Amino acid sequence: MVLNQLIYNLVLEKKSEKAGVTVSDQEVNDQLMQLFGISTEETTPAPESNLGLMSSDVVGVEPEVNKELELKKTIDEYFSSVVQGAFSQDYFRSLVRLMLLEGKLQKEVIFKEHGFEAEMVNARHILVKTSELADEIIAKLDAGEDWNALAAEHSLDTGSKDSGGALGWFGKGTMVLPFEEAVFAMNPGEISQPVKTDFGYHIIALDAKEFRPLEGDALDKAQMAVFEDWYEEVSSAMKIETFDNWEALIPTEPVFVPVEIQPTPTAEAPSATVEPQETVTESSPDAESIEVTPTANG
């Protein structure tokens, strides 16, 4: 919904300003270069000539200028051939800026106090079809037979049987529930009794258990949960007001453009481009008020 996105952007701008988090034009340019596949690395200087030319005799172009010219040309071509007037280059740059601002606010403020760790285990297993065979294998292990040899001979898990049934490190929510409950209840060095799941019967050996930094999807989910909690808290602490006529003033171009605090212009009818207005008043150290009023330019 346009209004929700507008409010989100206003909250993001306000909290970033308070935290002193900013995004420079150069950071926007660097991100655009990455998006369009333009290398930001400096090129290796060419070997110096022995022709006797002094440096003052040659007028060169700074690498940064070349990159900016290449970026401008690339963006112009993209907007001419692909965008074709659907939205402006300024709007496109504002989207990139907001994306970078969100990332910096998360990294420097919101996520700073969070360790993003979870209890994890490093385990092996032997998967068999029947509880009787599982009991036989446990008896052989108790008698001193080699785990790896038994896994290679009996395990139905073709992906791990040749490596001793090694599963590596994993956290909660990775394995099916009966397996998870059993392995997280174990102590390092223990071998479980048969654990029944839909796959069969597992004999589990726990090698280690400790808190470790989250990675990949687990880290993404944890950070998203923290960010959503943060946004709900700060947005609910603000008094956000909208006017009933906002829907009639929805612009033709999405309203993600950063806003400026300015007097509301008077106009009889909305023009093709509409910018939101933000009015923020502090009623107390812990309370804020944001007034969202789409206004017409003209």
Protein backbone atom coordinates (compact mmCIF):
# COMPACT_ATOMS: atom_id res chain seq x y z
CA MET A 1 0.00 0.00 0.00
CA VAL A 2 1.38 3.41 -0.97
CA LEU A 3 0.50 5.03 2.35
CA ASN A 4 2.19 2.30 4.38
CA GLN A 5 5.32 2.63 2.27
CA LEU A 6 5.27 6.39 2.72
CA ILE A 7 5.00 6.05 6.49
CA TYR A 8 7.79 3.47 6.48
CA ASN A 9 10.07 5.84 4.58
CA LEU A 10 9.31 8.70 6.94
CA VAL A 11 10.12 6.56 9.97
CA LEU A 12 13.31 5.37 8.31
CA GLU A 13 14.40 8.93 7.50
CA LYS A 14 13.55 10.21 10.99
CA LYS A 15 15.36 7.44 12.87
CA SER A 16 18.39 7.61 10.59
CA GLU A 17 18.64 11.36 11.13
CA LYS A 18 18.45 10.92 14.91
CA ALA A 19 21.16 8.24 14.84
CA GLY A 20 23.40 10.29 12.58
CA VAL A 21 23.23 7.69 9.81
CA THR A 22 23.65 9.15 6.34
CA VAL A 23 24.26 7.98 2.79
CA SER A 24 26.56 10.02 0.56
CA ASP A 25 26.20 10.63 -3.16
CA GLN A 26 29.38 8.62 -3.68
CA GLU A 27 27.86 5.63 -1.87
CA VAL A 28 24.83 5.86 -4.14
CA ASN A 29 27.08 6.02 -7.20
CA ASP A 30 29.11 3.02 -6.00
CA GLN A 31 25.93 1.01 -5.50
CA LEU A 32 24.63 2.00 -8.92
CA MET A 33 27.92 0.92 -10.47
CA GLN A 34 27.52 -2.49 -8.84
CA LEU A 35 23.94 -2.76 -10.05
CA PHE A 36 24.96 -1.97 -13.62
CA GLY A 37 28.11 -4.12 -13.54
CA ILE A 38 30.59 -1.25 -13.68
CA SER A 39 33.84 -2.10 -11.90
CA THR A 40 34.71 0.21 -9.00
CA GLU A 41 38.30 -1.03 -8.81
CA GLU A 42 41.08 1.28 -9.89
CA THR A 43 42.79 0.30 -13.11
CA THR A 44 46.52 -0.47 -13.10
CA PRO A 45 48.46 2.54 -14.42
CA ALA A 46 50.11 2.05 -17.81
CA PRO A 47 53.93 1.77 -17.87
CA GLU A 48 55.65 5.12 -18.10
CA SER A 49 56.91 6.11 -21.54
CA ASN A 50 60.55 6.92 -22.24
CA LEU A 51 59.68 9.43 -24.95
CA GLY A 52 60.74 12.32 -22.78
CA LEU A 53 57.27 13.77 -22.29
CA MET A 54 56.88 15.60 -19.03
CA SER A 55 53.76 14.98 -16.96
CA SER A 56 52.74 18.56 -17.59
CA ASP A 57 52.64 17.86 -21.33
CA VAL A 58 49.87 15.27 -20.98
CA VAL A 59 46.34 16.05 -19.87
CA GLY A 60 44.69 13.00 -18.34
CA VAL A 61 41.25 12.20 -16.98
CA GLU A 62 40.90 11.05 -13.38
CA PRO A 63 39.67 7.43 -13.06
CA GLU A 64 36.80 8.62 -10.85
CA VAL A 65 35.62 10.98 -13.59
CA ASN A 66 35.76 8.20 -16.17
CA LYS A 67 33.66 5.97 -13.91
CA GLU A 68 31.07 8.67 -13.33
CA LEU A 69 30.82 9.37 -17.05
CA GLU A 70 30.43 5.66 -17.75
CA LEU A 71 27.73 5.41 -15.07
CA LYS A 72 25.83 8.40 -16.46
CA LYS A 73 25.96 6.98 -19.98
CA THR A 74 24.81 3.55 -18.78
CA ILE A 75 21.90 4.96 -16.79
CA ASP A 76 20.85 7.25 -19.65
CA GLU A 77 20.78 4.28 -22.03
CA TYR A 78 18.86 2.16 -19.50
CA PHE A 79 16.21 4.83 -18.99
CA SER A 80 15.94 5.46 -22.71
CA SER A 81 15.57 1.81 -23.76
CA VAL A 82 13.96 0.14 -20.73
CA VAL A 83 12.29 2.60 -18.39
CA GLN A 84 10.99 4.87 -21.15
CA GLY A 85 9.60 7.54 -18.86
CA ALA A 86 7.93 5.23 -16.33
CA PHE A 87 9.81 7.02 -13.55
CA SER A 88 12.62 9.54 -13.23
CA GLN A 89 16.32 9.04 -12.64
CA ASP A 90 16.05 11.08 -9.44
CA TYR A 91 13.39 8.69 -8.20
CA PHE A 92 15.59 5.72 -9.10
CA ARG A 93 18.53 7.21 -7.19
CA SER A 94 16.26 7.84 -4.20
CA LEU A 95 15.29 4.16 -4.14
CA VAL A 96 18.95 3.18 -4.06
CA ARG A 97 19.64 5.73 -1.34
CA LEU A 98 16.78 4.43 0.83
CA MET A 99 17.98 0.85 0.35
CA LEU A 100 21.47 1.84 1.51
CA LEU A 101 20.07 3.92 4.37
CA GLU A 102 18.02 0.97 5.61
CA GLY A 103 21.07 -1.31 5.49
CA LYS A 104 23.31 1.15 7.34
CA LEU A 105 20.67 1.82 10.00
CA GLN A 106 20.28 -1.90 10.56
CA LYS A 107 24.02 -2.55 10.78
CA GLU A 108 25.07 0.51 12.78
CA VAL A 109 22.08 0.86 15.12
CA ILE A 110 19.40 -1.83 15.12
CA PHE A 111 21.57 -4.95 14.95
CA LYS A 112 24.53 -3.54 16.88
CA GLU A 113 23.53 -4.97 20.26
CA HIS A 114 22.46 -8.37 18.92
CA GLY A 115 24.89 -11.29 18.83
CA PHE A 116 22.73 -13.37 16.50
CA GLU A 117 23.91 -16.64 17.99
CA ALA A 118 22.05 -19.87 18.62
CA GLU A 119 22.72 -23.21 20.25
CA MET A 120 23.93 -25.66 17.63
CA VAL A 121 25.02 -29.28 17.54
CA ASN A 122 27.49 -31.26 15.49
CA ALA A 123 26.16 -34.79 15.06
CA ARG A 124 26.33 -38.02 13.08
CA HIS A 125 23.62 -40.58 12.45
CA ILE A 126 22.96 -44.03 11.07
CA LEU A 127 19.52 -44.41 9.49
CA VAL A 128 17.93 -47.85 9.21
CA LYS A 129 14.48 -49.18 8.37
CA THR A 130 13.61 -51.20 11.49
CA SER A 131 14.04 -50.80 15.22
CA GLU A 132 15.43 -54.35 15.39
CA LEU A 133 18.33 -53.48 13.11
CA ALA A 134 18.91 -50.27 15.04
CA ASP A 135 19.16 -52.28 18.28
CA GLU A 136 21.64 -54.66 16.65
CA ILE A 137 23.85 -51.79 15.50
CA ILE A 138 23.79 -50.20 18.96
CA ALA A 139 24.85 -53.55 20.45
CA LYS A 140 27.76 -53.74 17.98
CA LEU A 141 28.80 -50.19 18.88
CA ASP A 142 28.71 -51.12 22.57
CA ALA A 143 30.93 -54.08 21.73
CA GLY A 144 33.50 -51.72 20.17
CA GLU A 145 32.79 -52.04 16.45
CA ASP A 146 33.67 -49.08 14.24
CA TRP A 147 30.97 -46.45 13.76
CA ASN A 148 32.09 -45.43 10.27
CA ALA A 149 32.12 -49.02 9.06
CA LEU A 150 28.62 -49.65 10.42
CA ALA A 151 27.32 -46.42 8.85
CA ALA A 152 28.79 -47.32 5.46
CA GLU A 153 27.27 -50.81 5.65
CA HIS A 154 23.80 -50.08 7.02
CA SER A 155 22.77 -46.42 6.75
CA LEU A 156 19.98 -45.52 4.32
CA ASP A 157 21.18 -41.92 4.17
CA THR A 158 23.15 -42.12 0.94
CA GLY A 159 24.33 -38.55 1.28
CA SER A 160 26.22 -39.13 4.52
CA LYS A 161 26.79 -42.89 4.93
CA ASP A 162 30.26 -42.81 3.35
CA SER A 163 31.38 -40.01 5.67
CA GLY A 164 30.28 -41.71 8.88
CA GLY A 165 26.80 -40.19 8.77
CA ALA A 166 28.23 -36.72 9.46
CA LEU A 167 25.59 -33.98 9.49
CA GLY A 168 27.84 -31.07 10.45
CA TRP A 169 26.69 -28.15 12.55
CA PHE A 170 22.98 -27.29 12.62
CA GLY A 171 20.52 -25.47 14.82
CA LYS A 172 16.93 -25.92 15.84
CA GLY A 173 14.39 -25.88 13.06
CA THR A 174 16.66 -27.75 10.66
CA MET A 175 15.77 -31.38 11.31
CA VAL A 176 12.41 -33.10 11.80
CA LEU A 177 11.07 -32.59 15.32
CA PRO A 178 11.70 -36.06 16.87
CA PHE A 179 15.32 -35.97 15.65
CA GLU A 180 15.78 -32.39 16.86
CA GLU A 181 14.34 -33.06 20.31
CA ALA A 182 16.53 -36.12 20.75
CA VAL A 183 19.82 -34.59 19.62
CA PHE A 184 19.43 -31.35 21.60
CA ALA A 185 18.65 -33.36 24.74
CA MET A 186 21.94 -35.26 24.42
CA ASN A 187 25.38 -34.43 25.80
CA PRO A 188 28.52 -34.47 23.66
CA GLY A 189 29.98 -37.97 23.40
CA GLU A 190 26.66 -39.76 23.83
CA ILE A 191 25.01 -42.20 21.42
CA SER A 192 21.22 -42.27 21.40
CA GLN A 193 18.76 -45.08 21.51
CA PRO A 194 16.81 -45.53 18.24
CA VAL A 195 14.87 -42.38 17.32
CA LYS A 196 11.84 -42.94 15.10
CA THR A 197 10.94 -40.45 12.36
CA ASP A 198 9.07 -40.71 9.06
CA PHE A 199 12.39 -41.69 7.46
CA GLY A 200 13.02 -44.68 9.70
CA TYR A 201 15.10 -45.23 12.84
CA HIS A 202 18.11 -43.05 13.61
CA ILE A 203 21.08 -43.82 15.82
CA ILE A 204 22.56 -40.44 16.71
CA ALA A 205 26.07 -39.65 17.94
CA LEU A 206 26.53 -36.13 19.32
CA ASP A 207 30.04 -34.79 18.85
CA ALA A 208 29.65 -31.20 20.10
CA LYS A 209 27.12 -28.64 21.31
CA GLU A 210 27.75 -24.90 21.64
CA PHE A 211 26.45 -21.45 20.79
CA ARG A 212 27.64 -20.34 17.37
CA PRO A 213 27.00 -17.33 15.09
CA LEU A 214 24.04 -17.73 12.79
CA GLU A 215 24.70 -17.91 9.05
CA GLY A 216 22.75 -17.95 5.79
CA ASP A 217 18.98 -18.26 5.97
CA ALA A 218 19.00 -18.61 9.76
CA LEU A 219 20.79 -15.27 10.12
CA ASP A 220 18.47 -13.60 7.60
CA LYS A 221 15.39 -14.79 9.48
CA ALA A 222 16.76 -13.68 12.85
CA GLN A 223 17.68 -10.24 11.55
CA MET A 224 14.30 -9.84 9.87
CA ALA A 225 12.54 -10.68 13.14
CA VAL A 226 14.65 -8.13 15.04
CA PHE A 227 14.02 -5.46 12.40
CA GLU A 228 10.26 -6.08 12.36
CA ASP A 229 10.13 -5.84 16.17
CA TRP A 230 12.16 -2.62 16.04
CA TYR A 231 9.90 -1.06 13.41
CA GLU A 232 6.72 -2.00 15.25
CA GLU A 233 8.11 -0.48 18.45
CA VAL A 234 9.32 2.82 16.98
CA SER A 235 6.34 3.32 14.67
CA SER A 236 3.85 2.66 17.46
CA ALA A 237 5.70 5.20 19.63
CA MET A 238 5.04 7.85 16.98
CA LYS A 239 1.76 9.62 16.49
CA ILE A 240 1.12 9.22 12.76
CA GLU A 241 -1.73 11.23 11.27
CA THR A 242 -3.12 11.08 7.75
CA PHE A 243 -5.77 13.14 6.02
CA ASP A 244 -8.88 11.62 4.48
CA ASN A 245 -8.06 12.94 1.01
CA TRP A 246 -4.70 11.15 0.69
CA GLU A 247 -6.10 8.41 -1.54
CA ALA A 248 -7.27 10.86 -4.18
CA LEU A 249 -3.76 12.31 -4.31
CA ILE A 250 -1.85 9.09 -5.00
CA PRO A 251 0.89 10.04 -7.47
CA THR A 252 1.46 8.34 -10.77
CA GLU A 253 5.05 7.70 -9.73
CA PRO A 254 5.62 5.58 -6.57
CA VAL A 255 6.14 7.66 -3.46
CA PHE A 256 9.48 6.35 -2.24
CA VAL A 257 11.30 9.63 -2.84
CA PRO A 258 12.90 11.06 0.36
CA VAL A 259 10.83 13.94 1.62
CA GLU A 260 11.77 17.44 2.70
CA ILE A 261 10.12 19.43 5.46
CA GLN A 262 8.47 22.37 3.74
CA PRO A 263 5.28 24.47 3.93
CA THR A 264 2.26 22.91 2.34
CA PRO A 265 1.68 24.54 -1.10
CA THR A 266 -1.85 25.42 -2.06
CA ALA A 267 -3.31 23.94 -5.20
CA GLU A 268 -6.77 23.33 -6.52
CA ALA A 269 -6.00 19.98 -8.12
CA PRO A 270 -3.12 17.47 -7.94
CA SER A 271 -0.58 17.51 -10.74
CA ALA A 272 1.09 14.47 -12.30
CA THR A 273 3.80 14.43 -9.63
CA VAL A 274 2.95 14.57 -5.95
CA GLU A 275 5.39 14.66 -3.09
CA PRO A 276 4.53 13.83 0.53
CA GLN A 277 4.98 16.34 3.29
CA GLU A 278 6.41 15.42 6.66
CA THR A 279 5.73 17.39 9.82
CA VAL A 280 7.41 16.12 12.96
CA THR A 281 6.88 17.54 16.41
CA GLU A 282 8.42 16.27 19.61
CA SER A 283 5.90 16.12 22.44
CA SER A 284 8.27 14.31 24.81
CA PRO A 285 11.66 12.56 24.63
CA ASP A 286 9.93 9.26 23.92
CA ALA A 287 7.09 10.41 21.72
CA GLU A 288 7.07 11.70 18.18
CA SER A 289 4.40 12.86 15.80
CA ILE A 290 4.50 12.38 12.06
CA GLU A 291 1.88 14.02 9.90
CA VAL A 292 1.58 12.44 6.47
CA THR A 293 -0.01 14.80 3.98
CA PRO A 294 0.31 14.23 0.23
CA THR A 295 0.39 17.61 -1.45
CA ALA A 296 0.28 18.66 -5.07
CA ASN A 297 3.17 20.47 -6.73
CA GLY A 298 2.29 23.56 -8.65
